């Protein structure tokens, strides 16, 4: 029934936009409404909805066929491909279970396991992309989830990884693209802040947000009975004994290390030797997607031991194993990127922001900061975080200056708010990876995501008010 209602409700919402007008903005709004309703109701498989959006954009004349389908082969999507290869190899060779066992032995309850898993993702995403951190930790969380017989707990564990990575991206300027966009725009306004200033001010705020996330997941998704579940000796629950590392496990470790070094190296070199030829070369050549694909392809070369059936030597990953990854999630995220591009190109995002200003009539420094933070959070659910930050940073500064207020709180609020996006699978790459596991439903993500959006909004405003002296 929900799917049936969603199917026709999405079509009616899109039709309402087209009845109001047939300008590119109205057409983009129609596609956005159609996609959001269908994704929320799961009227069609999410990947199919993404393809319908691409076809609709072409039929409405918003983009050419080449432009519409180019988003499904854009570089960020290949970060998924490489990461999925690594995740599949982690699963096949059981290294995820081995690492999960090591985590479980340090946790005496399901609550402790939830916190530890989220904390690993949170810390890793501060020094590498949120998607990369999620891709590495998620297989470990899935293996760990088998030790607690609860579907709700498995969903909470997956969300702890994905949302922990999104929150952890705030820790450093290189943790996520919106941070860098905000910092660069601050420089254009004569309000530049240093790497150290960012970390000194934002790390406490991010830690508070992470603790709030853990409390939310504990309250909403992990009951007291499940949470207090005592996890015994993990070796008693393993499907296979864990002795020395196998050749396949060593190969996976090598691939993971190659990926992590490749993801970290440009940022580390830029931090310690900014502007040097090496830093420029690494930044220009060592893209995250290229590193992910190279690390994933390395698994087809590195040894994987002997095949259990034939006894022949095999690589760490075979192609028939690689094609088992969730290819549909790549189409899903490609459709989300296309919607973000259309919203920006047609002025839909700007119209939403400007109408919010007209409706609310804000005028003071902190009321403007509250408005742009809220708009950034909402926009990040519908468009990419990078696109949201690109739009909201200049808009927030313009609003603050026009009202005679301080632009710094507004720009920082918009920047941090742009890193949110906890409601939809297409909102962020970590969300997409979490949804691809099949452990989390869209309804679980939406309902809990709305609550966490509100909590994050409050923490951002109160946190900025407290740390603002450190940013000057």
Foldseek 3Di string as FASTA:
>chain_A
DLLVCLQVVLQVQLVVLVVVHLALLSLLRSLLSNLVSCQLSVNDPLLVSLVVSLVSCCVSVVDPNCVSCVLLVDLVLLLVLLLLLLLLLCVVQVVLLVVLLVLLVVDFWLLSSLLVLLVQLLQLLCQFENLLSLSVSVSNLQSNCVQQPDLLSSLSSLLSNNVSSLLSLQQWCPSYQLSVLLQVVCVVVVQHFDRVLSNVQCVVLSVVLSVVSSVLSCVPRNDPVRGGDTRPNVCVVDPDHDDDRDQLRVLSVVLSVQLSCLRRVLVVCCNVPNPDPVNVVSVVPSDNSVSSNVSSVSQQVGWCAADPPPRHTGGSDDVVSSVPADSSLSSSLSSLASSQVSCVVSVVLVVVLVVLCVVPVDQEQLVLLLSLLLSLLVVLQRHPLNSQSNPSQVVQQVRQVVSVYDSVSNSQSSSSSSSAHQQGCNSDSSSSVSVSVVSDGSVNRRVSSVVSSVVSSVSSSVSCVVSVVSSD
